[in-house]
Structure formats: C-alpha cells, structure tokens
Amino acid sequence: MVISIMQDTTTWLMGMAHWTDALQMIHWHLPLDLAILNKPLEVDLAGDVQRAFNNFVKTGQVWAFLIGIILGYLFRTFTSFG
C-alpha cells in the first residue's frame, strides 16, 4: 500500500512539472510594466494614525466607546453569578 501511495505521489509530482512549464510560458507573455512596480512607497504611518485618532475624538466616538465599556462592565457584573 505504501508503495502504491509513493507511486501515485511521484506520478502526481511529475504531472505538476508540465503545469510549471505552462505557467512559465504564460508568465513571459503577460503585459506588465515594471516601472509601476519600481515606485518607492510613500507611507506615513504615524500621520495616518494621528489623523484617525483625531477623527475618533472629534466625532465623539471616544465617548461612545468609554460609555460602552462602562455599561458593558456593569452589565457583566450584575448578570454574572458568583
């Protein structure tokens, strides 16, 4: 039984070799402009976090968050047994 499993596995792997050849042929025919991929990324993580936090405070969501935590804690305290 182990020998038949090994034989099936090696046959399957040999079949995969044909797929890699086909994928390589497709890869060479893809229209891809590499100049797009060569651009440096302009990421300002600290600025994005600061803008998100300022929006969080400005829209009043921080108060809703704090009230929700307090009410959730009270609900859990009063409804738990023990």
C-alpha atoms as a PDB file:
ATOM      1  CA  MET A   1       0.000   0.000   0.000  1.00  0.00           C
ATOM      2  CA  VAL A   2       2.800   2.434   0.864  1.00  0.00           C
ATOM      3  CA  ILE A   3       4.465   1.687  -2.444  1.00  0.00           C
ATOM      4  CA  SER A   4       1.298   2.482  -4.377  1.00  0.00           C
ATOM      5  CA  ILE A   5       0.892   5.765  -2.461  1.00  0.00           C
ATOM      6  CA  MET A   6       4.502   6.680  -3.251  1.00  0.00           C
ATOM      7  CA  GLN A   7       3.966   5.797  -6.895  1.00  0.00           C
ATOM      8  CA  ASP A   8       0.804   7.913  -7.067  1.00  0.00           C
ATOM      9  CA  THR A   9       2.587  10.815  -5.379  1.00  0.00           C
ATOM     10  CA  THR A  10       5.557  10.736  -7.742  1.00  0.00           C
ATOM     11  CA  THR A  11       3.222  10.464 -10.744  1.00  0.00           C
ATOM     12  CA  TRP A  12       1.308  13.479  -9.481  1.00  0.00           C
ATOM     13  CA  LEU A  13       4.533  15.436  -8.984  1.00  0.00           C
ATOM     14  CA  MET A  14       5.683  14.601 -12.493  1.00  0.00           C
ATOM     15  CA  GLY A  15       2.349  15.860 -13.780  1.00  0.00           C
ATOM     16  CA  MET A  16       2.954  19.143 -11.933  1.00  0.00           C
ATOM     17  CA  ALA A  17       6.152  19.675 -13.946  1.00  0.00           C
ATOM     18  CA  HIS A  18       4.035  20.213 -17.053  1.00  0.00           C
ATOM     19  CA  TRP A  19       1.987  22.836 -15.212  1.00  0.00           C
ATOM     20  CA  THR A  20       5.095  24.790 -14.258  1.00  0.00           C
ATOM     21  CA  ASP A  21       6.203  24.829 -17.911  1.00  0.00           C
ATOM     22  CA  ALA A  22       2.802  26.144 -18.945  1.00  0.00           C
ATOM     23  CA  LEU A  23       2.840  28.790 -16.199  1.00  0.00           C
ATOM     24  CA  GLN A  24       6.297  29.967 -17.277  1.00  0.00           C
ATOM     25  CA  MET A  25       5.109  30.339 -20.868  1.00  0.00           C
ATOM     26  CA  ILE A  26       2.075  32.342 -19.703  1.00  0.00           C
ATOM     27  CA  HIS A  27       4.306  34.459 -17.451  1.00  0.00           C
ATOM     28  CA  TRP A  28       6.513  35.558 -20.335  1.00  0.00           C
ATOM     29  CA  HIS A  29       3.513  36.692 -22.370  1.00  0.00           C
ATOM     30  CA  LEU A  30       1.926  38.859 -19.686  1.00  0.00           C
ATOM     31  CA  PRO A  31       1.874  42.590 -20.464  1.00  0.00           C
ATOM     32  CA  LEU A  32       3.467  44.022 -17.343  1.00  0.00           C
ATOM     33  CA  ASP A  33       5.034  47.418 -16.946  1.00  0.00           C
ATOM     34  CA  LEU A  34       7.785  47.025 -14.378  1.00  0.00           C
ATOM     35  CA  ALA A  35       8.125  50.795 -13.948  1.00  0.00           C
ATOM     36  CA  ILE A  36       4.893  50.733 -11.932  1.00  0.00           C
ATOM     37  CA  LEU A  37       6.354  48.194  -9.518  1.00  0.00           C
ATOM     38  CA  ASN A  38       9.566  50.156  -9.078  1.00  0.00           C
ATOM     39  CA  LYS A  39       7.989  53.208  -7.408  1.00  0.00           C
ATOM     40  CA  PRO A  40       9.011  53.931  -3.824  1.00  0.00           C
ATOM     41  CA  LEU A  41       6.211  53.616  -1.313  1.00  0.00           C
ATOM     42  CA  GLU A  42       5.216  56.828   0.420  1.00  0.00           C
ATOM     43  CA  VAL A  43       3.723  55.689   3.702  1.00  0.00           C
ATOM     44  CA  ASP A  44       3.243  57.993   6.677  1.00  0.00           C
ATOM     45  CA  LEU A  45       2.054  55.541   9.316  1.00  0.00           C
ATOM     46  CA  ALA A  46       2.367  57.922  12.261  1.00  0.00           C
ATOM     47  CA  GLY A  47       0.477  60.652  10.389  1.00  0.00           C
ATOM     48  CA  ASP A  48      -2.292  58.220   9.402  1.00  0.00           C
ATOM     49  CA  VAL A  49      -2.673  57.017  12.996  1.00  0.00           C
ATOM     50  CA  GLN A  50      -2.755  60.596  14.286  1.00  0.00           C
ATOM     51  CA  ARG A  51      -5.428  61.631  11.742  1.00  0.00           C
ATOM     52  CA  ALA A  52      -7.525  58.565  12.595  1.00  0.00           C
ATOM     53  CA  PHE A  53      -7.279  59.268  16.342  1.00  0.00           C
ATOM     54  CA  ASN A  54      -8.144  62.952  15.854  1.00  0.00           C
ATOM     55  CA  ASN A  55     -11.191  61.932  13.808  1.00  0.00           C
ATOM     56  CA  PHE A  56     -12.109  59.413  16.536  1.00  0.00           C
ATOM     57  CA  VAL A  57     -12.044  62.163  19.173  1.00  0.00           C
ATOM     58  CA  LYS A  58     -13.605  64.899  17.012  1.00  0.00           C
ATOM     59  CA  THR A  59     -16.668  62.817  16.050  1.00  0.00           C
ATOM     60  CA  GLY A  60     -17.371  61.838  19.652  1.00  0.00           C
ATOM     61  CA  GLN A  61     -16.749  58.148  19.129  1.00  0.00           C
ATOM     62  CA  VAL A  62     -14.319  58.118  22.053  1.00  0.00           C
ATOM     63  CA  TRP A  63     -17.174  58.968  24.428  1.00  0.00           C
ATOM     64  CA  ALA A  64     -19.397  56.284  22.957  1.00  0.00           C
ATOM     65  CA  PHE A  65     -16.529  53.814  23.350  1.00  0.00           C
ATOM     66  CA  LEU A  66     -15.956  54.706  27.007  1.00  0.00           C
ATOM     67  CA  ILE A  67     -19.675  54.632  27.853  1.00  0.00           C
ATOM     68  CA  GLY A  68     -19.971  51.272  26.115  1.00  0.00           C
ATOM     69  CA  ILE A  69     -17.086  49.831  28.128  1.00  0.00           C
ATOM     70  CA  ILE A  70     -18.554  51.087  31.403  1.00  0.00           C
ATOM     71  CA  LEU A  71     -22.090  49.859  30.638  1.00  0.00           C
ATOM     72  CA  GLY A  72     -20.749  46.525  29.392  1.00  0.00           C
ATOM     73  CA  TYR A  73     -18.720  46.048  32.554  1.00  0.00           C
ATOM     74  CA  LEU A  74     -21.741  46.897  34.713  1.00  0.00           C
ATOM     75  CA  PHE A  75     -23.991  44.556  32.706  1.00  0.00           C
ATOM     76  CA  ARG A  76     -21.455  41.736  33.056  1.00  0.00           C
ATOM     77  CA  THR A  77     -21.103  42.391  36.795  1.00  0.00           C
ATOM     78  CA  PHE A  78     -24.835  42.399  37.503  1.00  0.00           C
ATOM     79  CA  THR A  79     -25.677  39.398  35.340  1.00  0.00           C
ATOM     80  CA  SER A  80     -22.913  37.007  36.384  1.00  0.00           C
ATOM     81  CA  PHE A  81     -23.499  34.534  39.196  1.00  0.00           C
ATOM     82  CA  GLY A  82     -20.586  34.205  41.564  1.00  0.00           C
END
